[in-house]
Amino acid sequence: MKTLAAIPMLVRQHAEDAAFLFVQRGRAFHGQSWDEMQLGRTDQRIAGNIAGLVAAGKTGLEIAAEYAETVGGAGEVFALAVTAFAQGSAVEFTLAAGLGSPAGRKGLSGALAWTEPRVIGPQVRRWLESGEEGLRFLGLVALSHHRSDPGAMLAGFLTDPAPEVRSRAARLAFELGRVDLAGHMLDLAAGDLWSLLALARFGKGAGPLYDHATMAEAPVAELALDTALIAAPDQARERLGAMLRQPTTRALALSRAGVTGDLSVAGWLWQQLDQEADVDAAQFALFDIYPLDPDLCGDLAQRPVSLDVWLKAHANDPPHLSLRRKRLDVLRAGFRDRATPLPDWRRTRAYPAWS
């Protein structure tokens, strides 16, 4: 891309919009409203703003760096990192700016997912061999996003001295379906979510995942419970029942009551809509069971006469494949075929989203 004459005010708008859209995109994965079309439209807007930063050359990089330093959010670091990777400049500065905080690491992770492997490949290879744990972590993050298997190297990362590197290696093993590494993760399983997820996927039991869900904070607890319910649906009623009886875990358990697709719980969920404290979680579970668009179901908040009446009112609505439902489908496929890499459900489908 050619460098163009830069108007700082417009370049700032590009940086702000790219940061905002990145954060908005991340939040959408935890809800049920967005589908692939909305994801695609947002990604096209992000791409346009990133193109503006890259085309602005040094000015674009400087303004993105300014926001990353002064605001320091995940979106700001994302905008800086994608710009730096594309321009091939200030990469070391960018990594230092992002590795210092959880938000910065989230932004770097998003930038590695966004950037094509051919652009970051040579750097990723250096990071994986680095003596700095933050760089080894980023190398594994890049492999994870692009579903690239490092082969025999992955076993070594599972014994890395840095806990975050070991955890990210376990996540990569889970995503790639590296069943051969199940034995290596038994020592990591205590308290590490990704080791527990991998062991559950590789047939070593989902009980610890249910336990983890009762102790962890969202969204970690949500992922743990989603996966446990898919891995061991036979335990669902007993485990969810115990969580529903505890005030600290009731909302989480209620919101996941639809994961197994058990239609027999739908009537009970409908009754929970009458409880003010339960209404949000019950609605969430209902949309896991019925593929409807929450944005088109405003009448649910009014709690019509019966579940049957509500379903009949929306009988002609088009099926809504939300990003959440897509993630659940990917997880289900992963447990059916344990040794196959999981598709990256966060990626935009390849079609013009504005058509």
Protein backbone atom coordinates (compact mmCIF):
# COMPACT_ATOMS: atom_id res chain seq x y z
CA MET A 1 0.00 0.00 0.00
CA LYS A 2 1.32 3.45 -0.92
CA THR A 3 1.91 6.04 1.80
CA LEU A 4 -0.40 9.01 1.32
CA ALA A 5 -0.39 12.55 2.60
CA ALA A 6 -1.80 12.33 6.14
CA ILE A 7 -4.39 14.59 7.75
CA PRO A 8 -3.81 14.07 11.50
CA MET A 9 -7.45 14.61 12.44
CA LEU A 10 -8.58 11.88 10.05
CA VAL A 11 -5.78 9.55 11.11
CA ARG A 12 -6.84 9.98 14.74
CA GLN A 13 -10.36 9.02 13.76
CA HIS A 14 -9.02 5.87 12.11
CA ALA A 15 -7.11 4.95 15.29
CA GLU A 16 -10.10 5.60 17.56
CA ASP A 17 -12.54 3.71 15.36
CA ALA A 18 -10.25 0.70 14.94
CA ALA A 19 -9.80 0.49 18.72
CA PHE A 20 -13.52 0.83 19.43
CA LEU A 21 -14.55 -1.74 16.83
CA PHE A 22 -11.99 -4.26 18.09
CA VAL A 23 -13.40 -4.07 21.62
CA GLN A 24 -16.97 -4.23 20.32
CA ARG A 25 -16.06 -7.29 18.26
CA GLY A 26 -14.60 -9.07 21.27
CA ARG A 27 -17.67 -8.48 23.39
CA ALA A 28 -19.95 -9.85 20.67
CA PHE A 29 -18.44 -13.33 21.01
CA HIS A 30 -19.94 -13.67 24.49
CA GLY A 31 -23.46 -12.79 23.36
CA GLN A 32 -26.06 -14.28 21.06
CA SER A 33 -27.02 -11.40 18.79
CA TRP A 34 -24.19 -11.24 16.27
CA ASP A 35 -23.99 -13.62 13.35
CA GLU A 36 -21.38 -14.00 10.61
CA MET A 37 -22.82 -11.10 8.63
CA GLN A 38 -22.45 -8.65 11.51
CA LEU A 39 -18.96 -9.97 12.18
CA GLY A 40 -18.07 -9.51 8.52
CA ARG A 41 -19.36 -5.96 8.41
CA THR A 42 -17.40 -5.03 11.51
CA ASP A 43 -14.26 -6.63 10.14
CA GLN A 44 -14.60 -4.65 6.92
CA ARG A 45 -14.86 -1.45 8.96
CA ILE A 46 -11.80 -2.43 10.99
CA ALA A 47 -9.91 -3.21 7.78
CA GLY A 48 -10.77 0.20 6.36
CA ASN A 49 -9.51 2.02 9.44
CA ILE A 50 -6.33 -0.05 9.60
CA ALA A 51 -5.73 0.69 5.92
CA GLY A 52 -5.98 4.38 6.74
CA LEU A 53 -3.40 4.08 9.52
CA VAL A 54 -1.01 2.08 7.36
CA ALA A 55 -1.35 4.44 4.39
CA ALA A 56 -0.60 7.41 6.67
CA GLY A 57 2.91 6.01 7.12
CA LYS A 58 4.91 7.46 10.00
CA THR A 59 2.02 9.67 11.07
CA GLY A 60 -0.31 6.69 11.34
CA LEU A 61 2.19 4.75 13.42
CA GLU A 62 2.91 7.71 15.71
CA ILE A 63 -0.75 8.44 16.38
CA ALA A 64 -1.52 4.77 17.02
CA ALA A 65 1.45 4.63 19.41
CA GLU A 66 0.23 7.76 21.20
CA TYR A 67 -3.16 6.17 21.89
CA ALA A 68 -1.54 2.91 22.99
CA GLU A 69 0.59 4.83 25.51
CA THR A 70 -2.03 7.26 26.83
CA VAL A 71 -5.13 5.02 26.78
CA GLY A 72 -3.47 1.62 26.85
CA GLY A 73 -6.59 -0.43 26.17
CA ALA A 74 -6.76 -3.62 24.19
CA GLY A 75 -8.21 -1.80 21.18
CA GLU A 76 -5.49 0.84 21.14
CA VAL A 77 -2.71 -1.76 21.36
CA PHE A 78 -4.44 -3.78 18.63
CA ALA A 79 -4.49 -0.77 16.28
CA LEU A 80 -0.82 -0.02 16.97
CA ALA A 81 0.32 -3.63 16.57
CA VAL A 82 -1.54 -4.28 13.32
CA THR A 83 -0.14 -1.02 11.90
CA ALA A 84 3.39 -1.85 13.04
CA PHE A 85 3.25 -5.39 11.62
CA ALA A 86 1.92 -4.10 8.28
CA GLN A 87 4.54 -1.36 8.02
CA GLY A 88 7.35 -3.56 9.31
CA SER A 89 8.52 -0.87 11.73
CA ALA A 90 8.53 -0.18 15.49
CA VAL A 91 7.65 -3.81 16.17
CA GLU A 92 9.91 -4.11 19.22
CA PHE A 93 8.43 -0.93 20.70
CA THR A 94 4.95 -2.26 20.04
CA LEU A 95 5.64 -5.57 21.77
CA ALA A 96 7.06 -3.79 24.80
CA ALA A 97 4.00 -1.53 24.95
CA GLY A 98 1.61 -4.46 24.81
CA LEU A 99 3.26 -7.10 26.97
CA GLY A 100 3.10 -4.99 30.12
CA SER A 101 -0.62 -5.42 30.86
CA PRO A 102 -3.46 -7.93 30.39
CA ALA A 103 -5.28 -5.47 28.12
CA GLY A 104 -2.14 -4.98 26.07
CA ARG A 105 -1.66 -8.70 25.66
CA LYS A 106 -5.25 -9.03 24.51
CA GLY A 107 -4.59 -6.35 21.90
CA LEU A 108 -1.40 -8.06 20.73
CA SER A 109 -3.28 -11.35 20.51
CA GLY A 110 -5.94 -9.76 18.33
CA ALA A 111 -3.30 -8.21 16.10
CA LEU A 112 -1.58 -11.57 15.61
CA ALA A 113 -4.92 -13.11 14.68
CA TRP A 114 -5.64 -10.28 12.25
CA THR A 115 -2.25 -10.33 10.50
CA GLU A 116 -1.56 -12.87 7.77
CA PRO A 117 0.97 -15.62 8.66
CA ARG A 118 3.24 -14.65 5.76
CA VAL A 119 3.74 -11.23 7.40
CA ILE A 120 4.49 -12.38 10.94
CA GLY A 121 5.89 -15.85 10.25
CA PRO A 122 9.62 -14.99 10.46
CA GLN A 123 9.12 -13.09 13.71
CA VAL A 124 7.03 -15.85 15.23
CA ARG A 125 9.82 -18.35 14.63
CA ARG A 126 12.24 -16.08 16.50
CA TRP A 127 9.79 -15.57 19.36
CA LEU A 128 9.35 -19.29 19.88
CA GLU A 129 13.11 -19.66 20.36
CA SER A 130 13.43 -16.55 22.55
CA GLY A 131 14.72 -16.55 26.12
CA GLU A 132 12.02 -14.00 27.00
CA GLU A 133 8.84 -15.67 28.24
CA GLY A 134 6.59 -12.92 26.88
CA LEU A 135 7.85 -13.52 23.35
CA ARG A 136 7.49 -17.31 23.64
CA PHE A 137 3.93 -16.70 24.80
CA LEU A 138 3.21 -14.49 21.78
CA GLY A 139 4.70 -17.09 19.46
CA LEU A 140 2.25 -19.68 20.78
CA VAL A 141 -0.60 -17.17 20.53
CA ALA A 142 0.17 -16.70 16.84
CA LEU A 143 0.31 -20.46 16.24
CA SER A 144 -3.00 -20.82 18.06
CA HIS A 145 -4.82 -18.18 16.05
CA HIS A 146 -3.63 -19.60 12.74
CA ARG A 147 -3.92 -23.25 13.80
CA SER A 148 -0.28 -23.93 13.00
CA ASP A 149 1.19 -27.08 14.55
CA PRO A 150 4.81 -26.75 15.79
CA GLY A 151 5.18 -30.54 15.91
CA ALA A 152 7.52 -31.97 18.52
CA MET A 153 8.28 -28.49 19.90
CA LEU A 154 4.87 -28.29 21.55
CA ALA A 155 5.72 -30.94 24.16
CA GLY A 156 8.66 -28.79 25.26
CA PHE A 157 6.45 -25.76 25.78
CA LEU A 158 4.23 -27.81 28.11
CA THR A 159 7.19 -27.96 30.51
CA ASP A 160 8.26 -24.33 30.02
CA PRO A 161 9.34 -22.56 33.23
CA ALA A 162 6.74 -19.81 32.63
CA PRO A 163 3.19 -20.75 33.72
CA GLU A 164 1.53 -18.61 31.05
CA VAL A 165 3.59 -20.30 28.33
CA ARG A 166 2.63 -23.75 29.61
CA SER A 167 -1.05 -22.76 29.71
CA ARG A 168 -0.96 -21.35 26.18
CA ALA A 169 0.74 -24.53 24.97
CA ALA A 170 -2.07 -26.56 26.54
CA ARG A 171 -4.58 -24.36 24.75
CA LEU A 172 -2.81 -24.97 21.44
CA ALA A 173 -2.83 -28.73 22.09
CA PHE A 174 -6.57 -28.53 22.80
CA GLU A 175 -7.24 -26.56 19.62
CA LEU A 176 -5.06 -28.74 17.40
CA GLY A 177 -6.37 -32.04 18.74
CA ARG A 178 -2.93 -33.18 19.89
CA VAL A 179 -4.18 -36.29 21.68
CA ASP A 180 -0.59 -37.53 21.86
CA LEU A 181 0.18 -34.87 24.46
CA ALA A 182 -2.54 -35.81 26.95
CA GLY A 183 -0.04 -37.43 29.30
CA HIS A 184 2.12 -34.31 29.35
CA MET A 185 -0.77 -32.21 30.65
CA LEU A 186 -1.70 -34.27 33.70
CA ASP A 187 0.82 -32.38 35.80
CA LEU A 188 -0.58 -29.02 34.61
CA ALA A 189 -4.22 -29.79 35.26
CA ALA A 190 -4.46 -28.39 38.79
CA GLY A 191 -6.06 -24.99 38.34
CA ASP A 192 -5.18 -24.48 34.66
CA LEU A 193 -8.31 -24.21 32.53
CA TRP A 194 -6.73 -25.08 29.18
CA SER A 195 -5.12 -28.23 30.53
CA LEU A 196 -8.52 -29.27 31.92
CA LEU A 197 -10.18 -28.51 28.59
CA ALA A 198 -7.59 -30.51 26.69
CA LEU A 199 -7.81 -33.48 29.04
CA ALA A 200 -11.62 -33.46 28.75
CA ARG A 201 -11.40 -33.35 24.96
CA PHE A 202 -8.92 -36.21 24.95
CA GLY A 203 -11.26 -38.44 26.96
CA LYS A 204 -9.82 -38.00 30.47
CA GLY A 205 -13.06 -36.84 32.12
CA ALA A 206 -14.97 -33.57 32.51
CA GLY A 207 -15.57 -33.64 36.27
CA PRO A 208 -12.73 -31.18 37.03
CA LEU A 209 -14.18 -28.76 34.47
CA TYR A 210 -17.49 -28.67 36.34
CA ASP A 211 -15.58 -27.97 39.56
CA HIS A 212 -13.53 -25.25 37.85
CA ALA A 213 -16.72 -23.52 36.68
CA THR A 214 -17.90 -23.10 40.28
CA MET A 215 -14.70 -21.34 41.33
CA ALA A 216 -13.58 -19.24 38.37
CA GLU A 217 -14.72 -15.80 37.24
CA ALA A 218 -16.56 -15.12 33.98
CA PRO A 219 -15.82 -15.65 31.10
CA VAL A 220 -13.49 -18.47 32.23
CA ALA A 221 -16.28 -20.10 34.24
CA GLU A 222 -18.64 -19.82 31.26
CA LEU A 223 -16.21 -21.56 28.90
CA ALA A 224 -15.47 -24.25 31.46
CA LEU A 225 -19.17 -25.01 31.98
CA ASP A 226 -20.04 -24.88 28.27
CA THR A 227 -17.30 -27.39 27.55
CA ALA A 228 -18.13 -29.63 30.50
CA LEU A 229 -21.76 -29.85 29.41
CA ILE A 230 -20.72 -30.80 25.88
CA ALA A 231 -18.10 -33.29 27.07
CA ALA A 232 -20.29 -34.97 29.70
CA PRO A 233 -23.99 -34.21 29.09
CA ASP A 234 -24.93 -37.22 31.24
CA GLN A 235 -23.76 -35.24 34.28
CA ALA A 236 -25.65 -32.09 33.29
CA ARG A 237 -28.78 -32.40 35.43
CA GLU A 238 -26.95 -33.34 38.61
CA ARG A 239 -24.18 -30.75 38.21
CA LEU A 240 -26.44 -27.90 37.12
CA GLY A 241 -28.90 -28.77 39.88
CA ALA A 242 -26.19 -28.42 42.51
CA MET A 243 -25.06 -25.09 41.03
CA LEU A 244 -28.64 -23.79 40.86
CA ARG A 245 -28.98 -24.30 44.60
CA GLN A 246 -26.01 -22.05 45.31
CA PRO A 247 -26.59 -18.26 45.07
CA THR A 248 -23.06 -17.67 43.77
CA THR A 249 -23.42 -20.04 40.82
CA ARG A 250 -27.18 -19.96 40.13
CA ALA A 251 -27.06 -17.36 37.34
CA LEU A 252 -24.24 -19.16 35.53
CA ALA A 253 -25.94 -22.54 35.76
CA LEU A 254 -29.29 -21.16 34.64
CA SER A 255 -27.75 -19.40 31.65
CA ARG A 256 -26.16 -22.68 30.48
CA ALA A 257 -29.26 -24.87 30.91
CA GLY A 258 -29.80 -24.94 27.15
CA VAL A 259 -26.31 -26.03 26.08
CA THR A 260 -27.20 -29.72 25.83
CA GLY A 261 -30.24 -28.94 23.68
CA ASP A 262 -32.58 -30.69 26.11
CA LEU A 263 -36.04 -29.45 25.10
CA SER A 264 -37.55 -30.78 28.31
CA VAL A 265 -36.07 -27.85 30.25
CA ALA A 266 -37.65 -25.20 28.01
CA GLY A 267 -40.92 -25.05 29.93
CA TRP A 268 -39.08 -24.69 33.22
CA LEU A 269 -36.90 -21.92 31.76
CA TRP A 270 -40.06 -20.15 30.63
CA GLN A 271 -41.29 -20.14 34.22
CA GLN A 272 -38.05 -18.55 35.39
CA LEU A 273 -38.83 -15.49 33.27
CA ASP A 274 -41.25 -14.50 36.04
CA GLN A 275 -38.35 -14.21 38.49
CA GLU A 276 -36.66 -10.83 38.17
CA ALA A 277 -33.30 -12.17 39.32
CA ASP A 278 -33.42 -15.03 36.79
CA VAL A 279 -34.85 -13.40 33.68
CA ASP A 280 -31.57 -12.56 31.89
CA ALA A 281 -30.04 -16.00 32.46
CA ALA A 282 -33.26 -17.79 31.47
CA GLN A 283 -33.49 -15.81 28.23
CA PHE A 284 -29.87 -16.66 27.43
CA ALA A 285 -30.59 -20.36 27.89
CA LEU A 286 -33.73 -20.22 25.75
CA PHE A 287 -31.77 -18.75 22.83
CA ASP A 288 -29.26 -21.60 23.15
CA ILE A 289 -32.16 -24.00 22.55
CA TYR A 290 -34.07 -22.09 19.88
CA PRO A 291 -32.08 -20.58 16.95
CA LEU A 292 -33.79 -17.19 17.01
CA ASP A 293 -32.31 -13.71 16.84
CA PRO A 294 -32.64 -12.00 20.25
CA ASP A 295 -32.78 -8.63 18.50
CA LEU A 296 -36.00 -9.72 16.76
CA CYS A 297 -37.60 -11.12 19.91
CA GLY A 298 -38.38 -8.05 21.94
CA ASP A 299 -41.69 -9.63 22.86
CA LEU A 300 -39.85 -12.11 25.08
CA ALA A 301 -39.25 -9.34 27.60
CA GLN A 302 -43.02 -8.93 27.86
CA ARG A 303 -43.38 -12.64 28.70
CA PRO A 304 -46.32 -13.63 26.50
CA VAL A 305 -48.93 -16.12 27.65
CA SER A 306 -46.99 -19.30 26.97
CA LEU A 307 -43.89 -20.75 25.37
CA ASP A 308 -46.01 -22.22 22.57
CA VAL A 309 -47.50 -18.79 21.76
CA TRP A 310 -44.05 -17.24 21.61
CA LEU A 311 -42.67 -19.99 19.38
CA LYS A 312 -45.64 -19.74 17.01
CA ALA A 313 -45.17 -15.97 16.77
CA HIS A 314 -41.61 -16.54 15.52
CA ALA A 315 -42.20 -19.69 13.48
CA ASN A 316 -41.34 -17.87 10.24
CA ASP A 317 -38.25 -16.10 11.54
CA PRO A 318 -35.08 -17.11 9.67
CA PRO A 319 -32.74 -19.39 11.66
CA HIS A 320 -30.16 -17.32 13.49
CA LEU A 321 -26.66 -18.83 13.57
CA SER A 322 -25.15 -16.64 16.26
CA LEU A 323 -21.42 -16.55 16.89
CA ARG A 324 -22.08 -18.24 20.23
CA ARG A 325 -23.99 -21.06 18.56
CA LYS A 326 -21.15 -21.38 16.05
CA ARG A 327 -18.65 -21.73 18.90
CA LEU A 328 -20.77 -24.41 20.57
CA ASP A 329 -20.99 -26.30 17.27
CA VAL A 330 -17.20 -26.17 16.91
CA LEU A 331 -16.75 -27.53 20.44
CA ARG A 332 -19.24 -30.33 19.78
CA ALA A 333 -17.36 -31.28 16.62
CA GLY A 334 -14.12 -31.27 18.59
CA PHE A 335 -15.45 -33.82 21.05
CA ARG A 336 -16.76 -36.02 18.28
CA ASP A 337 -13.40 -36.06 16.53
CA ARG A 338 -10.76 -35.58 19.20
CA ALA A 339 -7.72 -35.53 16.90
CA THR A 340 -8.91 -32.91 14.40
CA PRO A 341 -7.99 -29.22 14.74
CA LEU A 342 -10.87 -26.98 15.78
CA PRO A 343 -11.91 -24.47 13.10
CA ASP A 344 -11.35 -20.85 14.09
CA TRP A 345 -14.93 -19.75 14.69
CA ARG A 346 -13.88 -16.13 15.21
CA ARG A 347 -12.90 -15.60 11.58
CA THR A 348 -15.07 -13.75 9.09
CA ARG A 349 -16.70 -15.90 6.49
CA ALA A 350 -15.28 -15.19 3.03
CA TYR A 351 -18.12 -13.30 1.34
CA PRO A 352 -18.96 -9.61 0.87
CA ALA A 353 -20.68 -8.70 4.12
CA TRP A 354 -22.30 -5.58 2.64
CA SER A 355 -24.00 -7.37 -0.25
